[in-house]
C-alpha atoms as a PDB file:
ATOM      1  CA  MET A   1      32.049 -94.152   0.492  1.00  0.00           C
ATOM      2  CA  SER A   2      31.277 -90.389   0.361  1.00  0.00           C
ATOM      3  CA  GLU A   3      28.791 -88.936  -2.116  1.00  0.00           C
ATOM      4  CA  ALA A   4      31.607 -87.098  -3.882  1.00  0.00           C
ATOM      5  CA  ALA A   5      33.601 -90.298  -4.301  1.00  0.00           C
ATOM      6  CA  ALA A   6      30.546 -92.107  -5.593  1.00  0.00           C
ATOM      7  CA  THR A   7      29.848 -89.505  -8.245  1.00  0.00           C
ATOM      8  CA  PRO A   8      31.248 -90.657 -11.612  1.00  0.00           C
ATOM      9  CA  ALA A   9      33.326 -88.287 -13.693  1.00  0.00           C
ATOM     10  CA  ILE A  10      31.260 -89.079 -16.770  1.00  0.00           C
ATOM     11  CA  SER A  11      28.006 -90.849 -17.610  1.00  0.00           C
ATOM     12  CA  ILE A  12      27.785 -92.908 -20.818  1.00  0.00           C
ATOM     13  CA  VAL A  13      24.221 -92.960 -22.174  1.00  0.00           C
ATOM     14  CA  THR A  14      23.108 -95.360 -24.883  1.00  0.00           C
ATOM     15  CA  THR A  15      19.625 -96.148 -26.148  1.00  0.00           C
ATOM     16  CA  CYS A  16      18.134 -99.288 -27.653  1.00  0.00           C
ATOM     17  CA  LYS A  17      15.039 -99.983 -29.694  1.00  0.00           C
ATOM     18  CA  GLY A  18      15.273-103.241 -31.601  1.00  0.00           C
ATOM     19  CA  ARG A  19      19.066-103.230 -31.715  1.00  0.00           C
ATOM     20  CA  LEU A  20      20.003-105.829 -29.133  1.00  0.00           C
ATOM     21  CA  ALA A  21      22.322-107.533 -31.629  1.00  0.00           C
ATOM     22  CA  MET A  22      24.366-104.333 -31.880  1.00  0.00           C
ATOM     23  CA  LEU A  23      24.158-103.627 -28.140  1.00  0.00           C
ATOM     24  CA  ARG A  24      25.649-107.090 -27.457  1.00  0.00           C
ATOM     25  CA  GLN A  25      28.756-105.842 -29.328  1.00  0.00           C
ATOM     26  CA  SER A  26      28.964-102.286 -28.033  1.00  0.00           C
ATOM     27  CA  LEU A  27      27.840-102.461 -24.372  1.00  0.00           C
ATOM     28  CA  PRO A  28      30.734-104.674 -23.073  1.00  0.00           C
ATOM     29  CA  ARG A  29      33.182-101.994 -24.196  1.00  0.00           C
ATOM     30  CA  MET A  30      31.120 -99.219 -22.588  1.00  0.00           C
ATOM     31  CA  ALA A  31      30.742-101.158 -19.346  1.00  0.00           C
ATOM     32  CA  ALA A  32      34.500-101.685 -19.139  1.00  0.00           C
ATOM     33  CA  GLN A  33      35.327 -97.943 -19.235  1.00  0.00           C
ATOM     34  CA  PRO A  34      36.907 -96.669 -15.987  1.00  0.00           C
ATOM     35  CA  HIS A  35      35.671 -93.528 -14.172  1.00  0.00           C
ATOM     36  CA  ALA A  36      32.259 -93.848 -15.806  1.00  0.00           C
ATOM     37  CA  GLU A  37      28.745 -94.995 -15.134  1.00  0.00           C
ATOM     38  CA  VAL A  38      26.775 -96.532 -17.992  1.00  0.00           C
ATOM     39  CA  ILE A  39      23.068 -96.037 -18.594  1.00  0.00           C
ATOM     40  CA  VAL A  40      21.054 -98.127 -21.057  1.00  0.00           C
ATOM     41  CA  VAL A  41      17.687 -96.736 -22.080  1.00  0.00           C
ATOM     42  CA  ASP A  42      15.397 -99.596 -23.046  1.00  0.00           C
ATOM     43  CA  TYR A  43      12.896 -97.666 -25.148  1.00  0.00           C
ATOM     44  CA  ASP A  44      10.098-100.238 -25.248  1.00  0.00           C
ATOM     45  CA  CYS A  45      12.662-102.490 -26.934  1.00  0.00           C
ATOM     46  CA  PRO A  46      10.996-105.593 -28.444  1.00  0.00           C
ATOM     47  CA  ASP A  47      14.285-107.490 -27.866  1.00  0.00           C
ATOM     48  CA  GLY A  48      14.271-106.979 -24.141  1.00  0.00           C
ATOM     49  CA  SER A  49      17.534-105.038 -24.161  1.00  0.00           C
ATOM     50  CA  GLY A  50      17.087-103.794 -20.611  1.00  0.00           C
ATOM     51  CA  ALA A  51      16.669-107.263 -19.170  1.00  0.00           C
ATOM     52  CA  TRP A  52      19.713-108.500 -21.102  1.00  0.00           C
ATOM     53  CA  ALA A  53      21.841-105.544 -19.978  1.00  0.00           C
ATOM     54  CA  ALA A  54      20.826-105.994 -16.321  1.00  0.00           C
ATOM     55  CA  ALA A  55      21.600-109.715 -16.396  1.00  0.00           C
ATOM     56  CA  GLU A  56      24.904-109.555 -18.278  1.00  0.00           C
ATOM     57  CA  HIS A  57      26.241-106.261 -16.901  1.00  0.00           C
ATOM     58  CA  PRO A  58      24.818-105.719 -13.393  1.00  0.00           C
ATOM     59  CA  ALA A  59      26.816-102.497 -12.875  1.00  0.00           C
ATOM     60  CA  VAL A  60      24.983-100.879 -15.770  1.00  0.00           C
ATOM     61  CA  ARG A  61      21.957 -98.791 -14.874  1.00  0.00           C
ATOM     62  CA  VAL A  62      18.835 -99.486 -16.954  1.00  0.00           C
ATOM     63  CA  VAL A  63      16.134 -96.891 -17.642  1.00  0.00           C
ATOM     64  CA  ARG A  64      12.941 -98.356 -19.092  1.00  0.00           C
ATOM     65  CA  VAL A  65      10.461 -96.435 -21.240  1.00  0.00           C
ATOM     66  CA  PRO A  66       7.295 -98.536 -21.683  1.00  0.00           C
ATOM     67  CA  ASP A  67       4.420 -98.212 -24.128  1.00  0.00           C
ATOM     68  CA  ALA A  68       6.400 -96.408 -26.820  1.00  0.00           C
ATOM     69  CA  PRO A  69       5.870 -98.226 -30.149  1.00  0.00           C
ATOM     70  CA  LEU A  70       7.498 -95.424 -32.178  1.00  0.00           C
ATOM     71  CA  PHE A  71      11.090 -94.537 -31.379  1.00  0.00           C
ATOM     72  CA  ASN A  72      11.824 -90.948 -30.348  1.00  0.00           C
ATOM     73  CA  ILE A  73      15.602 -90.869 -29.950  1.00  0.00           C
ATOM     74  CA  ALA A  74      15.548 -87.368 -28.477  1.00  0.00           C
ATOM     75  CA  ARG A  75      13.221 -88.482 -25.696  1.00  0.00           C
ATOM     76  CA  ALA A  76      15.187 -91.662 -25.167  1.00  0.00           C
ATOM     77  CA  ARG A  77      18.468 -89.758 -24.760  1.00  0.00           C
ATOM     78  CA  ASN A  78      16.816 -87.242 -22.446  1.00  0.00           C
ATOM     79  CA  CYS A  79      15.574 -90.075 -20.224  1.00  0.00           C
ATOM     80  CA  GLY A  80      19.141 -91.309 -19.914  1.00  0.00           C
ATOM     81  CA  GLY A  81      20.525 -87.821 -19.398  1.00  0.00           C
ATOM     82  CA  GLN A  82      18.034 -87.079 -16.638  1.00  0.00           C
ATOM     83  CA  ALA A  83      19.094 -90.248 -14.807  1.00  0.00           C
ATOM     84  CA  ALA A  84      22.819 -89.511 -15.180  1.00  0.00           C
ATOM     85  CA  ARG A  85      24.935 -88.356 -12.245  1.00  0.00           C
ATOM     86  CA  GLY A  86      28.239 -87.520 -13.921  1.00  0.00           C
ATOM     87  CA  GLU A  87      29.601 -84.024 -14.438  1.00  0.00           C
ATOM     88  CA  TRP A  88      29.959 -84.927 -18.102  1.00  0.00           C
ATOM     89  CA  LEU A  89      27.523 -86.793 -20.364  1.00  0.00           C
ATOM     90  CA  CYS A  90      28.623 -88.983 -23.268  1.00  0.00           C
ATOM     91  CA  PHE A  91      25.832 -89.995 -25.637  1.00  0.00           C
ATOM     92  CA  VAL A  92      26.721 -93.025 -27.746  1.00  0.00           C
ATOM     93  CA  ASP A  93      24.432 -94.927 -30.108  1.00  0.00           C
ATOM     94  CA  SER A  94      24.189 -98.671 -29.711  1.00  0.00           C
ATOM     95  CA  ASP A  95      25.860 -99.134 -33.113  1.00  0.00           C
ATOM     96  CA  VAL A  96      29.041 -97.391 -31.914  1.00  0.00           C
ATOM     97  CA  VAL A  97      31.878 -99.322 -30.277  1.00  0.00           C
ATOM     98  CA  LEU A  98      34.219 -97.319 -28.023  1.00  0.00           C
ATOM     99  CA  ASP A  99      37.932 -97.823 -27.903  1.00  0.00           C
ATOM    100  CA  ALA A 100      38.962 -99.652 -24.715  1.00  0.00           C
ATOM    101  CA  ARG A 101      40.598 -96.427 -23.426  1.00  0.00           C
ATOM    102  CA  PHE A 102      38.012 -93.981 -24.701  1.00  0.00           C
ATOM    103  CA  ILE A 103      37.065 -92.415 -21.388  1.00  0.00           C
ATOM    104  CA  GLU A 104      40.608 -92.588 -19.997  1.00  0.00           C
ATOM    105  CA  GLN A 105      41.867 -90.653 -23.025  1.00  0.00           C
ATOM    106  CA  ALA A 106      38.921 -88.272 -23.234  1.00  0.00           C
ATOM    107  CA  LEU A 107      38.702 -87.043 -19.641  1.00  0.00           C
ATOM    108  CA  PRO A 108      42.005 -85.085 -19.605  1.00  0.00           C
ATOM    109  CA  ARG A 109      40.919 -83.204 -22.740  1.00  0.00           C
ATOM    110  CA  LEU A 110      37.529 -82.073 -21.421  1.00  0.00           C
ATOM    111  CA  SER A 111      37.195 -78.502 -20.227  1.00  0.00           C
ATOM    112  CA  ALA A 112      34.228 -76.411 -19.077  1.00  0.00           C
ATOM    113  CA  GLY A 113      32.734 -74.238 -21.781  1.00  0.00           C
ATOM    114  CA  ALA A 114      33.115 -76.821 -24.541  1.00  0.00           C
ATOM    115  CA  PHE A 115      31.385 -79.808 -26.083  1.00  0.00           C
ATOM    116  CA  TYR A 116      33.011 -82.572 -28.114  1.00  0.00           C
ATOM    117  CA  THR A 117      32.042 -84.598 -31.203  1.00  0.00           C
ATOM    118  CA  MET A 118      34.078 -87.190 -33.046  1.00  0.00           C
ATOM    119  CA  ALA A 119      36.447 -86.271 -35.896  1.00  0.00           C
ATOM    120  CA  SER A 120      35.260 -89.307 -37.832  1.00  0.00           C
ATOM    121  CA  PRO A 121      34.328 -89.614 -41.515  1.00  0.00           C
ATOM    122  CA  GLU A 122      31.618 -92.132 -40.579  1.00  0.00           C
ATOM    123  CA  PRO A 123      28.143 -90.534 -40.857  1.00  0.00           C
ATOM    124  CA  ASP A 124      26.875 -92.772 -38.074  1.00  0.00           C
ATOM    125  CA  ALA A 125      29.421 -91.255 -35.708  1.00  0.00           C
ATOM    126  CA  VAL A 126      27.824 -87.809 -35.735  1.00  0.00           C
ATOM    127  CA  GLY A 127      25.555 -88.612 -32.782  1.00  0.00           C
ATOM    128  CA  THR A 128      28.418 -89.337 -30.416  1.00  0.00           C
ATOM    129  CA  VAL A 129      28.882 -86.296 -28.227  1.00  0.00           C
ATOM    130  CA  VAL A 130      30.373 -85.361 -24.840  1.00  0.00           C
ATOM    131  CA  CYS A 131      28.961 -82.303 -23.049  1.00  0.00           C
ATOM    132  CA  ARG A 132      28.690 -80.967 -19.519  1.00  0.00           C
ATOM    133  CA  ARG A 133      25.554 -82.064 -17.749  1.00  0.00           C
ATOM    134  CA  ALA A 134      24.975 -78.473 -16.608  1.00  0.00           C
ATOM    135  CA  ASP A 135      24.866 -77.249 -20.203  1.00  0.00           C
ATOM    136  CA  PHE A 136      22.613 -80.116 -21.233  1.00  0.00           C
ATOM    137  CA  ILE A 137      20.141 -79.340 -18.428  1.00  0.00           C
ATOM    138  CA  ALA A 138      20.178 -75.614 -19.160  1.00  0.00           C
ATOM    139  CA  LEU A 139      19.127 -76.360 -22.749  1.00  0.00           C
ATOM    140  CA  GLU A 140      16.471 -78.867 -21.618  1.00  0.00           C
ATOM    141  CA  GLY A 141      18.363 -81.605 -23.515  1.00  0.00           C
ATOM    142  CA  TYR A 142      17.440 -82.813 -26.979  1.00  0.00           C
ATOM    143  CA  ASP A 143      14.315 -81.378 -28.596  1.00  0.00           C
ATOM    144  CA  GLU A 144      11.676 -84.078 -28.179  1.00  0.00           C
ATOM    145  CA  VAL A 145       9.404 -82.320 -30.685  1.00  0.00           C
ATOM    146  CA  LEU A 146      11.590 -83.831 -33.411  1.00  0.00           C
ATOM    147  CA  GLN A 147      10.214 -87.141 -34.687  1.00  0.00           C
ATOM    148  CA  ASP A 148      11.551 -89.968 -36.818  1.00  0.00           C
ATOM    149  CA  TRP A 149      15.040 -89.806 -38.363  1.00  0.00           C
ATOM    150  CA  GLY A 150      17.566 -86.968 -37.947  1.00  0.00           C
ATOM    151  CA  PRO A 151      18.990 -84.455 -37.101  1.00  0.00           C
ATOM    152  CA  GLU A 152      18.312 -84.209 -33.360  1.00  0.00           C
ATOM    153  CA  ASP A 153      22.051 -84.383 -32.714  1.00  0.00           C
ATOM    154  CA  ARG A 154      22.992 -81.404 -34.891  1.00  0.00           C
ATOM    155  CA  ASP A 155      20.058 -79.476 -33.407  1.00  0.00           C
ATOM    156  CA  LEU A 156      21.586 -79.927 -29.950  1.00  0.00           C
ATOM    157  CA  TYR A 157      25.037 -78.895 -31.196  1.00  0.00           C
ATOM    158  CA  ILE A 158      23.667 -75.660 -32.661  1.00  0.00           C
ATOM    159  CA  ARG A 159      22.002 -74.805 -29.337  1.00  0.00           C
ATOM    160  CA  LEU A 160      25.159 -75.671 -27.351  1.00  0.00           C
ATOM    161  CA  ALA A 161      27.139 -73.321 -29.628  1.00  0.00           C
ATOM    162  CA  ALA A 162      24.501 -70.595 -29.238  1.00  0.00           C
ATOM    163  CA  ARG A 163      24.902 -70.967 -25.467  1.00  0.00           C
ATOM    164  CA  GLY A 164      28.561 -70.106 -25.900  1.00  0.00           C
ATOM    165  CA  CYS A 165      30.069 -73.588 -25.759  1.00  0.00           C
ATOM    166  CA  ARG A 166      33.095 -74.195 -27.978  1.00  0.00           C
ATOM    167  CA  HIS A 167      32.791 -77.040 -30.449  1.00  0.00           C
ATOM    168  CA  GLU A 168      35.859 -79.246 -30.226  1.00  0.00           C
ATOM    169  CA  THR A 169      36.572 -82.763 -31.503  1.00  0.00           C
ATOM    170  CA  LEU A 170      37.987 -86.017 -30.246  1.00  0.00           C
ATOM    171  CA  PRO A 171      39.980 -88.387 -32.530  1.00  0.00           C
ATOM    172  CA  GLY A 172      37.704 -90.322 -34.834  1.00  0.00           C
ATOM    173  CA  ASP A 173      39.704 -93.516 -34.434  1.00  0.00           C
ATOM    174  CA  TRP A 174      38.588 -93.777 -30.817  1.00  0.00           C
ATOM    175  CA  ILE A 175      35.327 -95.269 -31.996  1.00  0.00           C
ATOM    176  CA  GLY A 176      34.123 -97.856 -34.488  1.00  0.00           C
ATOM    177  CA  VAL A 177      30.717 -98.116 -36.208  1.00  0.00           C
ATOM    178  CA  ILE A 178      28.653-101.281 -36.724  1.00  0.00           C
ATOM    179  CA  LYS A 179      27.320-101.160 -40.238  1.00  0.00           C
ATOM    180  CA  HIS A 180      23.604-101.583 -40.932  1.00  0.00           C
ATOM    181  CA  ASP A 181      21.113-100.784 -43.675  1.00  0.00           C
ATOM    182  CA  ASP A 182      18.403 -98.116 -43.978  1.00  0.00           C
ATOM    183  CA  ALA A 183      15.691-100.593 -43.054  1.00  0.00           C
ATOM    184  CA  ALA A 184      17.221-100.891 -39.593  1.00  0.00           C
ATOM    185  CA  ARG A 185      17.411 -97.105 -39.294  1.00  0.00           C
ATOM    186  CA  VAL A 186      13.717 -96.462 -39.864  1.00  0.00           C
ATOM    187  CA  SER A 187      12.029 -99.672 -38.677  1.00  0.00           C
ATOM    188  CA  PHE A 188      10.532 -97.991 -35.584  1.00  0.00           C
ATOM    189  CA  TYR A 189       9.775 -94.588 -37.176  1.00  0.00           C
ATOM    190  CA  GLY A 190       6.465 -93.359 -38.533  1.00  0.00           C
ATOM    191  CA  ILE A 191       7.998 -92.031 -41.785  1.00  0.00           C
ATOM    192  CA  LYS A 192       9.969 -94.731 -43.524  1.00  0.00           C
ATOM    193  CA  ASP A 193      11.651 -92.384 -46.029  1.00  0.00           C
ATOM    194  CA  ARG A 194      14.557 -91.148 -43.941  1.00  0.00           C
ATOM    195  CA  TRP A 195      15.413 -88.324 -46.380  1.00  0.00           C
ATOM    196  CA  LEU A 196      11.899 -86.914 -46.221  1.00  0.00           C
ATOM    197  CA  SER A 197      12.095 -87.187 -42.452  1.00  0.00           C
ATOM    198  CA  GLN A 198      15.475 -85.429 -42.499  1.00  0.00           C
ATOM    199  CA  ARG A 199      14.108 -82.555 -44.574  1.00  0.00           C
ATOM    200  CA  ILE A 200      11.175 -82.108 -42.221  1.00  0.00           C
ATOM    201  CA  ASN A 201      13.337 -82.099 -39.089  1.00  0.00           C
ATOM    202  CA  ALA A 202      16.112 -79.969 -40.582  1.00  0.00           C
ATOM    203  CA  SER A 203      13.587 -77.379 -41.849  1.00  0.00           C
ATOM    204  CA  TYR A 204      11.860 -77.264 -38.483  1.00  0.00           C
ATOM    205  CA  SER A 205      15.191 -76.933 -36.691  1.00  0.00           C
ATOM    206  CA  GLN A 206      16.249 -73.973 -38.863  1.00  0.00           C
ATOM    207  CA  ILE A 207      12.942 -72.168 -38.450  1.00  0.00           C
ATOM    208  CA  LYS A 208      13.040 -72.793 -34.700  1.00  0.00           C
ATOM    209  CA  HIS A 209      16.549 -71.379 -34.390  1.00  0.00           C
ATOM    210  CA  ASP A 210      15.551 -68.337 -36.431  1.00  0.00           C
ATOM    211  CA  LEU A 211      12.612 -67.717 -34.094  1.00  0.00           C
ATOM    212  CA  ALA A 212      14.810 -68.222 -31.000  1.00  0.00           C
ATOM    213  CA  ARG A 213      17.256 -65.593 -32.266  1.00  0.00           C
ATOM    214  CA  GLN A 214      14.379 -63.265 -33.047  1.00  0.00           C
ATOM    215  CA  PHE A 215      12.997 -63.510 -29.541  1.00  0.00           C
ATOM    216  CA  ARG A 216      16.398 -63.789 -27.824  1.00  0.00           C
ATOM    217  CA  THR A 217      15.642 -67.061 -26.047  1.00  0.00           C
ATOM    218  CA  PRO A 218      17.568 -70.357 -25.974  1.00  0.00           C
ATOM    219  CA  ASN A 219      14.354 -72.379 -25.707  1.00  0.00           C
ATOM    220  CA  LEU A 220      11.068 -71.546 -27.420  1.00  0.00           C
ATOM    221  CA  PRO A 221       7.925 -72.622 -25.504  1.00  0.00           C
ATOM    222  CA  LEU A 222       6.918 -76.212 -26.181  1.00  0.00           C
ATOM    223  CA  ASP A 223       3.509 -75.240 -27.663  1.00  0.00           C
ATOM    224  CA  VAL A 224       5.206 -72.920 -30.152  1.00  0.00           C
ATOM    225  CA  ARG A 225       7.700 -75.607 -31.212  1.00  0.00           C
ATOM    226  CA  ARG A 226       4.922 -78.200 -31.619  1.00  0.00           C
ATOM    227  CA  ALA A 227       2.893 -75.783 -33.753  1.00  0.00           C
ATOM    228  CA  VAL A 228       5.856 -74.989 -36.004  1.00  0.00           C
ATOM    229  CA  TYR A 229       6.797 -78.653 -36.327  1.00  0.00           C
ATOM    230  CA  GLY A 230       3.241 -79.645 -37.202  1.00  0.00           C
ATOM    231  CA  GLN A 231       3.035 -77.010 -39.928  1.00  0.00           C
ATOM    232  CA  VAL A 232       6.437 -77.969 -41.369  1.00  0.00           C
ATOM    233  CA  ARG A 233       5.688 -81.695 -41.327  1.00  0.00           C
ATOM    234  CA  GLU A 234       2.265 -81.307 -43.005  1.00  0.00           C
ATOM    235  CA  THR A 235       3.637 -78.942 -45.668  1.00  0.00           C
ATOM    236  CA  LEU A 236       6.647 -81.046 -46.648  1.00  0.00           C
ATOM    237  CA  GLN A 237       4.669 -84.292 -46.657  1.00  0.00           C
ATOM    238  CA  ARG A 238       2.139 -82.663 -48.964  1.00  0.00           C
ATOM    239  CA  GLY A 239       4.971 -81.471 -51.209  1.00  0.00           C
ATOM    240  CA  ALA A 240       6.459 -84.961 -51.363  1.00  0.00           C
ATOM    241  CA  GLN A 241       3.063 -86.412 -52.350  1.00  0.00           C
ATOM    242  CA  ALA A 242       2.803 -83.820 -55.117  1.00  0.00           C
ATOM    243  CA  GLY A 243       5.888 -85.183 -56.840  1.00  0.00           C
ATOM    244  CA  ASN A 244       9.122 -83.278 -56.565  1.00  0.00           C
ATOM    245  CA  GLY A 245       9.057 -82.294 -52.878  1.00  0.00           C
ATOM    246  CA  SER A 246       8.782 -78.506 -53.331  1.00  0.00           C
ATOM    247  CA  ALA A 247       7.127 -76.739 -50.450  1.00  0.00           C
ATOM    248  CA  ARG A 248       6.445 -73.213 -49.218  1.00  0.00           C
ATOM    249  CA  ILE A 249       6.236 -72.669 -45.476  1.00  0.00           C
ATOM    250  CA  GLN A 250       4.840 -69.483 -44.010  1.00  0.00           C
ATOM    251  CA  ILE A 251       5.427 -68.601 -40.364  1.00  0.00           C
ATOM    252  CA  THR A 252       3.493 -65.630 -38.924  1.00  0.00           C
ATOM    253  CA  LEU A 253       5.336 -63.893 -36.090  1.00  0.00           C
ATOM    254  CA  PRO A 254       3.477 -62.675 -33.001  1.00  0.00           C
ATOM    255  CA  PRO A 255       2.258 -59.061 -33.250  1.00  0.00           C
ATOM    256  CA  THR A 256       4.653 -57.734 -30.571  1.00  0.00           C
ATOM    257  CA  LEU A 257       6.629 -54.892 -32.157  1.00  0.00           C
ATOM    258  CA  ASP A 258       9.587 -52.706 -31.179  1.00  0.00           C
ATOM    259  CA  VAL A 259       8.059 -49.690 -32.972  1.00  0.00           C
ATOM    260  CA  ARG A 260       4.967 -47.653 -32.168  1.00  0.00           C
ATOM    261  CA  LEU A 261       2.419 -47.445 -35.033  1.00  0.00           C
ATOM    262  CA  TYR A 262      -0.375 -45.647 -33.121  1.00  0.00           C
ATOM    263  CA  GLY A 263      -3.164 -48.051 -33.917  1.00  0.00           C
ATOM    264  CA  TRP A 264      -1.868 -49.362 -37.192  1.00  0.00           C
ATOM    265  CA  GLN A 265      -0.917 -53.006 -37.399  1.00  0.00           C
ATOM    266  CA  MET A 266       2.168 -54.605 -38.912  1.00  0.00           C
ATOM    267  CA  LYS A 267       1.834 -58.284 -39.783  1.00  0.00           C
ATOM    268  CA  ARG A 268       5.127 -60.109 -40.224  1.00  0.00           C
ATOM    269  CA  THR A 269       5.447 -63.381 -42.079  1.00  0.00           C
ATOM    270  CA  TRP A 270       8.589 -65.377 -42.742  1.00  0.00           C
ATOM    271  CA  VAL A 271       8.523 -67.465 -45.922  1.00  0.00           C
ATOM    272  CA  TYR A 272      10.652 -70.574 -46.373  1.00  0.00           C
ATOM    273  CA  GLU A 273      10.774 -72.222 -49.798  1.00  0.00           C
ATOM    274  CA  ILE A 274      12.055 -75.803 -50.034  1.00  0.00           C
ATOM    275  CA  GLU A 275      13.135 -76.873 -53.520  1.00  0.00           C
ATOM    276  CA  PRO A 276      14.541 -80.185 -54.797  1.00  0.00           C
ATOM    277  CA  PRO A 277      18.029 -80.386 -56.295  1.00  0.00           C
ATOM    278  CA  ALA A 278      18.130 -79.048 -59.829  1.00  0.00           C
ATOM    279  CA  ALA A 279      18.818 -82.523 -61.336  1.00  0.00           C
ATOM    280  CA  ALA A 280      15.789 -84.064 -59.630  1.00  0.00           C
ATOM    281  CA  ALA A 281      13.541 -81.194 -60.784  1.00  0.00           C
ATOM    282  CA  ALA A 282      14.815 -81.542 -64.356  1.00  0.00           C
ATOM    283  CA  ASN A 283      14.193 -85.275 -64.395  1.00  0.00           C
ATOM    284  CA  ALA A 284      10.684 -84.804 -63.135  1.00  0.00           C
ATOM    285  CA  ALA A 285       9.951 -82.106 -65.722  1.00  0.00           C
ATOM    286  CA  GLY A 286      11.531 -84.070 -68.534  1.00  0.00           C
ATOM    287  CA  ASP A 287       9.735 -87.379 -68.317  1.00  0.00           C
ATOM    288  CA  GLY A 288       6.801 -86.684 -66.043  1.00  0.00           C
ATOM    289  CA  ALA A 289       7.923 -89.303 -63.600  1.00  0.00           C
ATOM    290  CA  VAL A 290       7.660 -88.783 -59.885  1.00  0.00           C
ATOM    291  CA  GLU A 291      11.228 -88.614 -58.517  1.00  0.00           C
ATOM    292  CA  SER A 292      10.367 -88.085 -54.892  1.00  0.00           C
ATOM    293  CA  GLN A 293      12.981 -88.327 -52.155  1.00  0.00           C
ATOM    294  CA  THR A 294      15.704 -90.145 -54.101  1.00  0.00           C
ATOM    295  CA  ALA A 295      18.362 -87.441 -53.999  1.00  0.00           C
ATOM    296  CA  GLY A 296      21.215 -88.054 -51.585  1.00  0.00           C
ATOM    297  CA  ARG A 297      20.644 -91.766 -51.045  1.00  0.00           C
END
């Protein structure tokens, strides 16, 4: 068989960390998809998901990430994406069950210069995405600086759109979602409050994108991203501990300027203020109780 014939049209990538029960339901449907290779990323899974996948579905490729007690879904997906060979990548969480004809129906719709999410009302469907491997590699994949819960998927979509990729959708009824509770969502994360984690990650993502636009680059250096994330995480955690979650984040821009000041210095600082919903702030002020991180549950 020639190399071209052996290259799959699309690579399905799914990750598993303590969700073997869900993978038992979703992987058979993935493995049965035509014109696709399937990659399971066993992210130091305590259930031995990689061993199970290899035994039950020998055609599935298993990528193992050892010694990783805390789950980093961005890193897990990147490990799968780096191992993939298809022109297109399809990232699917282990709690998502594909329609039997998902790939067969999707492939004719895919076109270069676009990426695809699911037109589904299910919040857990937002992480399902199909994009060209070339675009994914150009953007260095998911941002592994993000930790704990959310929104690494939306962060990638923003960067794909900034690269010039059109955002299109596939029918939402092509997938189903296996229901589970919040405890299952955060069991392998450092921060157990997923809404605090979401605020940290979403705030970091916004600041990062602002900086990227300022410096006209699709990817900020890793050390810069880590520094910004550390500052955001520390500030918002401190705000949460104070009671209502308010926080003020200051980011000082590098001194490089587009104007000549002949020896004078211009220091530029961006200020981001994070405030709780008005109802939560009123409740906290009215009875003195700490109403931290309950909004939106």
